[in-house]
Amino acid sequence: MAYNSRLKSEQTDALFEAILTLDTMDDCYRFFEDICTIKEIQAIAQRLEVAKQLRENKTYNEIEAETGASTATISRINRSLNYGADGYNLIFRKLGLTKE
């Protein structure tokens, strides 16, 4: 059964299909450098790191100090981890970073 996202559109499908064709880290860097600003890529990378640290039960203060993310961003990511579409957990499982 396909996931029914609020983001779903033909344009979003085309974007995700394009991302799924990337084979190497170099391909990812090249594509994302063209399609996103450096700040956008850094923000997404920061969010993934915040999610990892939340799963490690680090405090907001520790995460803020280590990542530079605001407590509002940390809180938003925490809500996504607990009540979101399960995307972070899906990625963590695929990366072998499952909860102990």
PDB file of N, CA and C in Angstrom:
ATOM      1  N   MET A   1       0.844  -1.185   0.000  1.00  0.00           N
ATOM      2  CA  MET A   1       0.000   0.000   0.000  1.00  0.00           C
ATOM      3  C   MET A   1       0.884   1.242   0.000  1.00  0.00           C
ATOM      4  N   ALA A   2       0.603   2.168  -0.866  1.00  0.00           N
ATOM      5  CA  ALA A   2       1.392   3.389  -0.984  1.00  0.00           C
ATOM      6  C   ALA A   2       1.046   4.354   0.142  1.00  0.00           C
ATOM      7  N   TYR A   3       2.049   5.086   0.568  1.00  0.00           N
ATOM      8  CA  TYR A   3       1.857   6.094   1.601  1.00  0.00           C
ATOM      9  C   TYR A   3       1.112   7.282   1.004  1.00  0.00           C
ATOM     10  N   ASN A   4       0.114   7.782   1.701  1.00  0.00           N
ATOM     11  CA  ASN A   4      -0.681   8.915   1.236  1.00  0.00           C
ATOM     12  C   ASN A   4      -0.193  10.181   1.929  1.00  0.00           C
ATOM     13  N   SER A   5       0.665  10.928   1.279  1.00  0.00           N
ATOM     14  CA  SER A   5       1.276  12.120   1.849  1.00  0.00           C
ATOM     15  C   SER A   5       0.513  13.374   1.465  1.00  0.00           C
ATOM     16  N   ARG A   6       0.538  14.343   2.369  1.00  0.00           N
ATOM     17  CA  ARG A   6      -0.033  15.661   2.064  1.00  0.00           C
ATOM     18  C   ARG A   6       0.811  16.380   1.023  1.00  0.00           C
ATOM     19  N   LEU A   7       2.052  15.953   0.833  1.00  0.00           N
ATOM     20  CA  LEU A   7       2.955  16.560  -0.149  1.00  0.00           C
ATOM     21  C   LEU A   7       2.723  16.059  -1.565  1.00  0.00           C
ATOM     22  N   LYS A   8       1.969  14.999  -1.705  1.00  0.00           N
ATOM     23  CA  LYS A   8       1.854  14.300  -2.982  1.00  0.00           C
ATOM     24  C   LYS A   8       1.359  15.204  -4.102  1.00  0.00           C
ATOM     25  N   SER A   9       2.144  15.212  -5.170  1.00  0.00           N
ATOM     26  CA  SER A   9       1.776  15.912  -6.401  1.00  0.00           C
ATOM     27  C   SER A   9       2.630  15.332  -7.518  1.00  0.00           C
ATOM     28  N   GLU A  10       2.297  15.652  -8.746  1.00  0.00           N
ATOM     29  CA  GLU A  10       3.091  15.172  -9.878  1.00  0.00           C
ATOM     30  C   GLU A  10       4.516  15.708  -9.799  1.00  0.00           C
ATOM     31  N   GLN A  11       4.673  16.974  -9.411  1.00  0.00           N
ATOM     32  CA  GLN A  11       6.008  17.563  -9.310  1.00  0.00           C
ATOM     33  C   GLN A  11       6.830  16.889  -8.217  1.00  0.00           C
ATOM     34  N   THR A  12       6.213  16.624  -7.067  1.00  0.00           N
ATOM     35  CA  THR A  12       6.929  15.969  -5.977  1.00  0.00           C
ATOM     36  C   THR A  12       7.289  14.546  -6.367  1.00  0.00           C
ATOM     37  N   ASP A  13       6.361  13.842  -7.031  1.00  0.00           N
ATOM     38  CA  ASP A  13       6.674  12.497  -7.519  1.00  0.00           C
ATOM     39  C   ASP A  13       7.886  12.536  -8.445  1.00  0.00           C
ATOM     40  N   ALA A  14       7.930  13.501  -9.347  1.00  0.00           N
ATOM     41  CA  ALA A  14       9.052  13.618 -10.289  1.00  0.00           C
ATOM     42  C   ALA A  14      10.365  13.892  -9.551  1.00  0.00           C
ATOM     43  N   LEU A  15      10.313  14.748  -8.527  1.00  0.00           N
ATOM     44  CA  LEU A  15      11.509  15.026  -7.735  1.00  0.00           C
ATOM     45  C   LEU A  15      12.006  13.759  -7.060  1.00  0.00           C
ATOM     46  N   PHE A  16      11.118  13.034  -6.392  1.00  0.00           N
ATOM     47  CA  PHE A  16      11.525  11.831  -5.669  1.00  0.00           C
ATOM     48  C   PHE A  16      12.002  10.740  -6.631  1.00  0.00           C
ATOM     49  N   GLU A  17      11.374  10.641  -7.803  1.00  0.00           N
ATOM     50  CA  GLU A  17      11.852   9.689  -8.810  1.00  0.00           C
ATOM     51  C   GLU A  17      13.270  10.048  -9.241  1.00  0.00           C
ATOM     52  N   ALA A  18      13.542  11.342  -9.403  1.00  0.00           N
ATOM     53  CA  ALA A  18      14.889  11.789  -9.769  1.00  0.00           C
ATOM     54  C   ALA A  18      15.888  11.421  -8.668  1.00  0.00           C
ATOM     55  N   ILE A  19      15.525  11.656  -7.413  1.00  0.00           N
ATOM     56  CA  ILE A  19      16.417  11.335  -6.290  1.00  0.00           C
ATOM     57  C   ILE A  19      16.699   9.838  -6.249  1.00  0.00           C
ATOM     58  N   LEU A  20      15.685   9.028  -6.510  1.00  0.00           N
ATOM     59  CA  LEU A  20      15.867   7.577  -6.473  1.00  0.00           C
ATOM     60  C   LEU A  20      16.804   7.061  -7.559  1.00  0.00           C
ATOM     61  N   THR A  21      17.111   7.867  -8.572  1.00  0.00           N
ATOM     62  CA  THR A  21      18.037   7.434  -9.624  1.00  0.00           C
ATOM     63  C   THR A  21      19.493   7.667  -9.239  1.00  0.00           C
ATOM     64  N   LEU A  22      19.741   8.421  -8.180  1.00  0.00           N
ATOM     65  CA  LEU A  22      21.117   8.731  -7.784  1.00  0.00           C
ATOM     66  C   LEU A  22      21.783   7.477  -7.214  1.00  0.00           C
ATOM     67  N   ASP A  23      22.985   7.183  -7.706  1.00  0.00           N
ATOM     68  CA  ASP A  23      23.662   5.939  -7.320  1.00  0.00           C
ATOM     69  C   ASP A  23      24.802   6.136  -6.338  1.00  0.00           C
ATOM     70  N   THR A  24      25.431   7.287  -6.365  1.00  0.00           N
ATOM     71  CA  THR A  24      26.636   7.467  -5.554  1.00  0.00           C
ATOM     72  C   THR A  24      26.535   8.739  -4.721  1.00  0.00           C
ATOM     73  N   MET A  25      27.411   8.827  -3.736  1.00  0.00           N
ATOM     74  CA  MET A  25      27.489  10.033  -2.912  1.00  0.00           C
ATOM     75  C   MET A  25      27.818  11.238  -3.809  1.00  0.00           C
ATOM     76  N   ASP A  26      28.723  11.032  -4.761  1.00  0.00           N
ATOM     77  CA  ASP A  26      29.091  12.113  -5.682  1.00  0.00           C
ATOM     78  C   ASP A  26      27.876  12.580  -6.481  1.00  0.00           C
ATOM     79  N   ASP A  27      27.060  11.627  -6.961  1.00  0.00           N
ATOM     80  CA  ASP A  27      25.826  11.988  -7.675  1.00  0.00           C
ATOM     81  C   ASP A  27      24.933  12.851  -6.787  1.00  0.00           C
ATOM     82  N   CYS A  28      24.809  12.466  -5.519  1.00  0.00           N
ATOM     83  CA  CYS A  28      23.971  13.217  -4.577  1.00  0.00           C
ATOM     84  C   CYS A  28      24.503  14.626  -4.391  1.00  0.00           C
ATOM     85  N   TYR A  29      25.803  14.742  -4.149  1.00  0.00           N
ATOM     86  CA  TYR A  29      26.384  16.077  -3.989  1.00  0.00           C
ATOM     87  C   TYR A  29      26.121  16.932  -5.214  1.00  0.00           C
ATOM     88  N   ARG A  30      26.324  16.393  -6.391  1.00  0.00           N
ATOM     89  CA  ARG A  30      26.164  17.175  -7.618  1.00  0.00           C
ATOM     90  C   ARG A  30      24.711  17.623  -7.807  1.00  0.00           C
ATOM     91  N   PHE A  31      23.778  16.700  -7.621  1.00  0.00           N
ATOM     92  CA  PHE A  31      22.371  17.031  -7.814  1.00  0.00           C
ATOM     93  C   PHE A  31      21.888  18.032  -6.775  1.00  0.00           C
ATOM     94  N   PHE A  32      22.151  17.738  -5.499  1.00  0.00           N
ATOM     95  CA  PHE A  32      21.629  18.603  -4.440  1.00  0.00           C
ATOM     96  C   PHE A  32      22.301  19.973  -4.434  1.00  0.00           C
ATOM     97  N   GLU A  33      23.552  20.036  -4.858  1.00  0.00           N
ATOM     98  CA  GLU A  33      24.213  21.342  -4.953  1.00  0.00           C
ATOM     99  C   GLU A  33      23.548  22.208  -6.019  1.00  0.00           C
ATOM    100  N   ASP A  34      23.034  21.572  -7.071  1.00  0.00           N
ATOM    101  CA  ASP A  34      22.337  22.322  -8.122  1.00  0.00           C
ATOM    102  C   ASP A  34      20.907  22.681  -7.724  1.00  0.00           C
ATOM    103  N   ILE A  35      20.236  21.809  -7.005  1.00  0.00           N
ATOM    104  CA  ILE A  35      18.803  22.002  -6.755  1.00  0.00           C
ATOM    105  C   ILE A  35      18.513  22.768  -5.463  1.00  0.00           C
ATOM    106  N   CYS A  36      19.436  22.724  -4.510  1.00  0.00           N
ATOM    107  CA  CYS A  36      19.236  23.376  -3.217  1.00  0.00           C
ATOM    108  C   CYS A  36      20.349  24.393  -2.971  1.00  0.00           C
ATOM    109  N   THR A  37      20.064  25.319  -2.074  1.00  0.00           N
ATOM    110  CA  THR A  37      21.134  26.197  -1.613  1.00  0.00           C
ATOM    111  C   THR A  37      21.972  25.426  -0.588  1.00  0.00           C
ATOM    112  N   ILE A  38      23.166  25.898  -0.362  1.00  0.00           N
ATOM    113  CA  ILE A  38      24.026  25.273   0.643  1.00  0.00           C
ATOM    114  C   ILE A  38      23.332  25.296   2.001  1.00  0.00           C
ATOM    115  N   LYS A  39      22.685  26.404   2.334  1.00  0.00           N
ATOM    116  CA  LYS A  39      21.986  26.525   3.620  1.00  0.00           C
ATOM    117  C   LYS A  39      20.860  25.502   3.743  1.00  0.00           C
ATOM    118  N   GLU A  40      20.122  25.264   2.661  1.00  0.00           N
ATOM    119  CA  GLU A  40      19.034  24.285   2.698  1.00  0.00           C
ATOM    120  C   GLU A  40      19.577  22.878   2.961  1.00  0.00           C
ATOM    121  N   ILE A  41      20.649  22.526   2.290  1.00  0.00           N
ATOM    122  CA  ILE A  41      21.258  21.209   2.491  1.00  0.00           C
ATOM    123  C   ILE A  41      21.774  21.087   3.917  1.00  0.00           C
ATOM    124  N   GLN A  42      22.433  22.129   4.404  1.00  0.00           N
ATOM    125  CA  GLN A  42      22.946  22.106   5.769  1.00  0.00           C
ATOM    126  C   GLN A  42      21.814  21.989   6.782  1.00  0.00           C
ATOM    127  N   ALA A  43      20.691  22.657   6.534  1.00  0.00           N
ATOM    128  CA  ALA A  43      19.548  22.593   7.449  1.00  0.00           C
ATOM    129  C   ALA A  43      18.959  21.187   7.492  1.00  0.00           C
ATOM    130  N   ILE A  44      18.855  20.536   6.342  1.00  0.00           N
ATOM    131  CA  ILE A  44      18.330  19.174   6.299  1.00  0.00           C
ATOM    132  C   ILE A  44      19.282  18.220   7.011  1.00  0.00           C
ATOM    133  N   ALA A  45      20.581  18.380   6.757  1.00  0.00           N
ATOM    134  CA  ALA A  45      21.584  17.536   7.420  1.00  0.00           C
ATOM    135  C   ALA A  45      21.543  17.744   8.934  1.00  0.00           C
ATOM    136  N   GLN A  46      21.366  18.993   9.354  1.00  0.00           N
ATOM    137  CA  GLN A  46      21.281  19.307  10.778  1.00  0.00           C
ATOM    138  C   GLN A  46      20.070  18.620  11.405  1.00  0.00           C
ATOM    139  N   ARG A  47      18.941  18.629  10.711  1.00  0.00           N
ATOM    140  CA  ARG A  47      17.726  17.993  11.236  1.00  0.00           C
ATOM    141  C   ARG A  47      17.917  16.502  11.439  1.00  0.00           C
ATOM    142  N   LEU A  48      18.595  15.854  10.497  1.00  0.00           N
ATOM    143  CA  LEU A  48      18.857  14.426  10.648  1.00  0.00           C
ATOM    144  C   LEU A  48      19.755  14.173  11.853  1.00  0.00           C
ATOM    145  N   GLU A  49      20.758  15.008  12.043  1.00  0.00           N
ATOM    146  CA  GLU A  49      21.643  14.865  13.203  1.00  0.00           C
ATOM    147  C   GLU A  49      20.889  15.099  14.508  1.00  0.00           C
ATOM    148  N   VAL A  50      20.012  16.102  14.524  1.00  0.00           N
ATOM    149  CA  VAL A  50      19.196  16.355  15.719  1.00  0.00           C
ATOM    150  C   VAL A  50      18.338  15.135  16.029  1.00  0.00           C
ATOM    151  N   ALA A  51      17.716  14.557  15.014  1.00  0.00           N
ATOM    152  CA  ALA A  51      16.880  13.371  15.225  1.00  0.00           C
ATOM    153  C   ALA A  51      17.706  12.224  15.799  1.00  0.00           C
ATOM    154  N   LYS A  52      18.914  12.017  15.288  1.00  0.00           N
ATOM    155  CA  LYS A  52      19.789  10.969  15.822  1.00  0.00           C
ATOM    156  C   LYS A  52      20.073  11.220  17.301  1.00  0.00           C
ATOM    157  N   GLN A  53      20.381  12.454  17.644  1.00  0.00           N
ATOM    158  CA  GLN A  53      20.720  12.774  19.025  1.00  0.00           C
ATOM    159  C   GLN A  53      19.505  12.669  19.946  1.00  0.00           C
ATOM    160  N   LEU A  54      18.331  13.021  19.456  1.00  0.00           N
ATOM    161  CA  LEU A  54      17.118  12.833  20.257  1.00  0.00           C
ATOM    162  C   LEU A  54      16.907  11.352  20.552  1.00  0.00           C
ATOM    163  N   ARG A  55      17.160  10.502  19.580  1.00  0.00           N
ATOM    164  CA  ARG A  55      17.028   9.047  19.781  1.00  0.00           C
ATOM    165  C   ARG A  55      18.051   8.529  20.778  1.00  0.00           C
ATOM    166  N   GLU A  56      19.157   9.240  20.916  1.00  0.00           N
ATOM    167  CA  GLU A  56      20.189   8.871  21.893  1.00  0.00           C
ATOM    168  C   GLU A  56      19.868   9.453  23.275  1.00  0.00           C
ATOM    169  N   ASN A  57      18.686  10.073  23.390  1.00  0.00           N
ATOM    170  CA  ASN A  57      18.209  10.664  24.640  1.00  0.00           C
ATOM    171  C   ASN A  57      19.066  11.821  25.143  1.00  0.00           C
ATOM    172  N   LYS A  58      19.687  12.538  24.224  1.00  0.00           N
ATOM    173  CA  LYS A  58      20.421  13.737  24.630  1.00  0.00           C
ATOM    174  C   LYS A  58      19.414  14.836  24.954  1.00  0.00           C
ATOM    175  N   THR A  59      19.819  15.753  25.811  1.00  0.00           N
ATOM    176  CA  THR A  59      18.932  16.855  26.195  1.00  0.00           C
ATOM    177  C   THR A  59      18.905  17.903  25.090  1.00  0.00           C
ATOM    178  N   TYR A  60      17.872  18.736  25.121  1.00  0.00           N
ATOM    179  CA  TYR A  60      17.791  19.828  24.158  1.00  0.00           C
ATOM    180  C   TYR A  60      19.029  20.707  24.244  1.00  0.00           C
ATOM    181  N   ASN A  61      19.489  20.990  25.462  1.00  0.00           N
ATOM    182  CA  ASN A  61      20.673  21.841  25.634  1.00  0.00           C
ATOM    183  C   ASN A  61      21.909  21.207  25.012  1.00  0.00           C
ATOM    184  N   GLU A  62      22.087  19.899  25.201  1.00  0.00           N
ATOM    185  CA  GLU A  62      23.226  19.203  24.595  1.00  0.00           C
ATOM    186  C   GLU A  62      23.141  19.251  23.073  1.00  0.00           C
ATOM    187  N   ILE A  63      21.958  19.005  22.544  1.00  0.00           N
ATOM    188  CA  ILE A  63      21.759  19.000  21.090  1.00  0.00           C
ATOM    189  C   ILE A  63      21.983  20.392  20.514  1.00  0.00           C
ATOM    190  N   GLU A  64      21.448  21.401  21.189  1.00  0.00           N
ATOM    191  CA  GLU A  64      21.625  22.783  20.742  1.00  0.00           C
ATOM    192  C   GLU A  64      23.113  23.132  20.690  1.00  0.00           C
ATOM    193  N   ALA A  65      23.858  22.750  21.733  1.00  0.00           N
ATOM    194  CA  ALA A  65      25.287  23.056  21.792  1.00  0.00           C
ATOM    195  C   ALA A  65      26.072  22.320  20.708  1.00  0.00           C
ATOM    196  N   GLU A  66      25.710  21.077  20.430  1.00  0.00           N
ATOM    197  CA  GLU A  66      26.457  20.260  19.477  1.00  0.00           C
ATOM    198  C   GLU A  66      26.099  20.537  18.020  1.00  0.00           C
ATOM    199  N   THR A  67      24.842  20.911  17.761  1.00  0.00           N
ATOM    200  CA  THR A  67      24.401  21.064  16.365  1.00  0.00           C
ATOM    201  C   THR A  67      24.156  22.505  15.948  1.00  0.00           C
ATOM    202  N   GLY A  68      23.930  23.379  16.924  1.00  0.00           N
ATOM    203  CA  GLY A  68      23.569  24.754  16.602  1.00  0.00           C
ATOM    204  C   GLY A  68      22.095  24.934  16.286  1.00  0.00           C
ATOM    205  N   ALA A  69      21.316  23.860  16.378  1.00  0.00           N
ATOM    206  CA  ALA A  69      19.877  23.951  16.111  1.00  0.00           C
ATOM    207  C   ALA A  69      19.184  24.665  17.264  1.00  0.00           C
ATOM    208  N   SER A  70      18.155  25.432  16.926  1.00  0.00           N
ATOM    209  CA  SER A  70      17.383  26.121  17.961  1.00  0.00           C
ATOM    210  C   SER A  70      16.513  25.114  18.704  1.00  0.00           C
ATOM    211  N   THR A  71      16.103  25.486  19.906  1.00  0.00           N
ATOM    212  CA  THR A  71      15.222  24.591  20.665  1.00  0.00           C
ATOM    213  C   THR A  71      13.875  24.422  19.949  1.00  0.00           C
ATOM    214  N   ALA A  72      13.437  25.432  19.204  1.00  0.00           N
ATOM    215  CA  ALA A  72      12.190  25.301  18.433  1.00  0.00           C
ATOM    216  C   ALA A  72      12.341  24.227  17.351  1.00  0.00           C
ATOM    217  N   THR A  73      13.482  24.216  16.676  1.00  0.00           N
ATOM    218  CA  THR A  73      13.740  23.201  15.658  1.00  0.00           C
ATOM    219  C   THR A  73      13.831  21.822  16.295  1.00  0.00           C
ATOM    220  N   ILE A  74      14.529  21.730  17.417  1.00  0.00           N
ATOM    221  CA  ILE A  74      14.665  20.452  18.122  1.00  0.00           C
ATOM    222  C   ILE A  74      13.288  19.933  18.539  1.00  0.00           C
ATOM    223  N   SER A  75      12.447  20.819  19.044  1.00  0.00           N
ATOM    224  CA  SER A  75      11.103  20.445  19.455  1.00  0.00           C
ATOM    225  C   SER A  75      10.279  19.954  18.264  1.00  0.00           C
ATOM    226  N   ARG A  76      10.385  20.632  17.143  1.00  0.00           N
ATOM    227  CA  ARG A  76       9.650  20.246  15.934  1.00  0.00           C
ATOM    228  C   ARG A  76      10.085  18.848  15.475  1.00  0.00           C
ATOM    229  N   ILE A  77      11.385  18.587  15.519  1.00  0.00           N
ATOM    230  CA  ILE A  77      11.900  17.281  15.109  1.00  0.00           C
ATOM    231  C   ILE A  77      11.447  16.203  16.097  1.00  0.00           C
ATOM    232  N   ASN A  78      11.435  16.542  17.364  1.00  0.00           N
ATOM    233  CA  ASN A  78      10.966  15.594  18.379  1.00  0.00           C
ATOM    234  C   ASN A  78       9.505  15.219  18.125  1.00  0.00           C
ATOM    235  N   ARG A  79       8.679  16.197  17.774  1.00  0.00           N
ATOM    236  CA  ARG A  79       7.274  15.915  17.439  1.00  0.00           C
ATOM    237  C   ARG A  79       7.190  14.986  16.230  1.00  0.00           C
ATOM    238  N   SER A  80       8.032  15.242  15.228  1.00  0.00           N
ATOM    239  CA  SER A  80       8.031  14.384  14.042  1.00  0.00           C
ATOM    240  C   SER A  80       8.430  12.956  14.393  1.00  0.00           C
ATOM    241  N   LEU A  81       9.422  12.819  15.262  1.00  0.00           N
ATOM    242  CA  LEU A  81       9.851  11.478  15.684  1.00  0.00           C
ATOM    243  C   LEU A  81       8.719  10.730  16.382  1.00  0.00           C
ATOM    244  N   ASN A  82       7.949  11.454  17.173  1.00  0.00           N
ATOM    245  CA  ASN A  82       6.904  10.817  17.972  1.00  0.00           C
ATOM    246  C   ASN A  82       5.546  10.729  17.285  1.00  0.00           C
ATOM    247  N   TYR A  83       5.217  11.703  16.454  1.00  0.00           N
ATOM    248  CA  TYR A  83       3.865  11.771  15.891  1.00  0.00           C
ATOM    249  C   TYR A  83       3.840  11.973  14.381  1.00  0.00           C
ATOM    250  N   GLY A  84       5.000  11.929  13.740  1.00  0.00           N
ATOM    251  CA  GLY A  84       5.076  12.220  12.312  1.00  0.00           C
ATOM    252  C   GLY A  84       4.780  11.018  11.436  1.00  0.00           C
ATOM    253  N   ALA A  85       5.294  11.066  10.226  1.00  0.00           N
ATOM    254  CA  ALA A  85       5.032  10.041   9.213  1.00  0.00           C
ATOM    255  C   ALA A  85       5.974   8.843   9.325  1.00  0.00           C
ATOM    256  N   ASP A  86       6.810   8.807  10.354  1.00  0.00           N
ATOM    257  CA  ASP A  86       7.752   7.723  10.613  1.00  0.00           C
ATOM    258  C   ASP A  86       8.923   7.714   9.632  1.00  0.00           C
ATOM    259  N   GLY A  87       9.149   8.832   8.962  1.00  0.00           N
ATOM    260  CA  GLY A  87      10.238   8.925   7.995  1.00  0.00           C
ATOM    261  C   GLY A  87      11.615   8.830   8.610  1.00  0.00           C
ATOM    262  N   TYR A  88      11.812   9.513   9.744  1.00  0.00           N
ATOM    263  CA  TYR A  88      13.117   9.421  10.402  1.00  0.00           C
ATOM    264  C   TYR A  88      13.407   7.975  10.802  1.00  0.00           C
ATOM    265  N   ASN A  89      12.429   7.316  11.420  1.00  0.00           N
ATOM    266  CA  ASN A  89      12.632   5.933  11.860  1.00  0.00           C
ATOM    267  C   ASN A  89      12.870   4.997  10.684  1.00  0.00           C
ATOM    268  N   LEU A  90      12.207   5.242   9.571  1.00  0.00           N
ATOM    269  CA  LEU A  90      12.432   4.454   8.364  1.00  0.00           C
ATOM    270  C   LEU A  90      13.899   4.561   7.926  1.00  0.00           C
ATOM    271  N   ILE A  91      14.409   5.771   7.884  1.00  0.00           N
ATOM    272  CA  ILE A  91      15.803   5.997   7.489  1.00  0.00           C
ATOM    273  C   ILE A  91      16.757   5.368   8.503  1.00  0.00           C
ATOM    274  N   PHE A  92      16.476   5.530   9.782  1.00  0.00           N
ATOM    275  CA  PHE A  92      17.351   4.951  10.803  1.00  0.00           C
ATOM    276  C   PHE A  92      17.414   3.426  10.679  1.00  0.00           C
ATOM    277  N   ARG A  93      16.272   2.797  10.395  1.00  0.00           N
ATOM    278  CA  ARG A  93      16.269   1.338  10.201  1.00  0.00           C
ATOM    279  C   ARG A  93      17.111   0.968   8.986  1.00  0.00           C
ATOM    280  N   LYS A  94      16.936   1.704   7.891  1.00  0.00           N
ATOM    281  CA  LYS A  94      17.677   1.405   6.663  1.00  0.00           C
ATOM    282  C   LYS A  94      19.185   1.629   6.840  1.00  0.00           C
ATOM    283  N   LEU A  95      19.553   2.560   7.711  1.00  0.00           N
ATOM    284  CA  LEU A  95      20.968   2.848   7.985  1.00  0.00           C
ATOM    285  C   LEU A  95      21.523   1.957   9.086  1.00  0.00           C
ATOM    286  N   GLY A  96      20.688   1.102   9.659  1.00  0.00           N
ATOM    287  CA  GLY A  96      21.130   0.236  10.738  1.00  0.00           C
ATOM    288  C   GLY A  96      21.268   0.961  12.061  1.00  0.00           C
ATOM    289  N   LEU A  97      20.563   2.079  12.215  1.00  0.00           N
ATOM    290  CA  LEU A  97      20.619   2.875  13.442  1.00  0.00           C
ATOM    291  C   LEU A  97      19.343   2.694  14.248  1.00  0.00           C
ATOM    292  N   THR A  98      18.918   1.446  14.400  1.00  0.00           N
ATOM    293  CA  THR A  98      17.674   1.178  15.114  1.00  0.00           C
ATOM    294  C   THR A  98      17.837   1.440  16.597  1.00  0.00           C
ATOM    295  N   LYS A  99      16.707   1.736  17.227  1.00  0.00           N
ATOM    296  CA  LYS A  99      16.695   1.960  18.666  1.00  0.00           C
ATOM    297  C   LYS A  99      17.080   0.694  19.400  1.00  0.00           C
ATOM    298  N   GLU A 100      17.848   0.874  20.435  1.00  0.00           N
ATOM    299  CA  GLU A 100      18.271  -0.275  21.265  1.00  0.00           C
ATOM    300  C   GLU A 100      17.133  -0.689  22.158  1.00  0.00           C
TER     301      GLU A 100
END
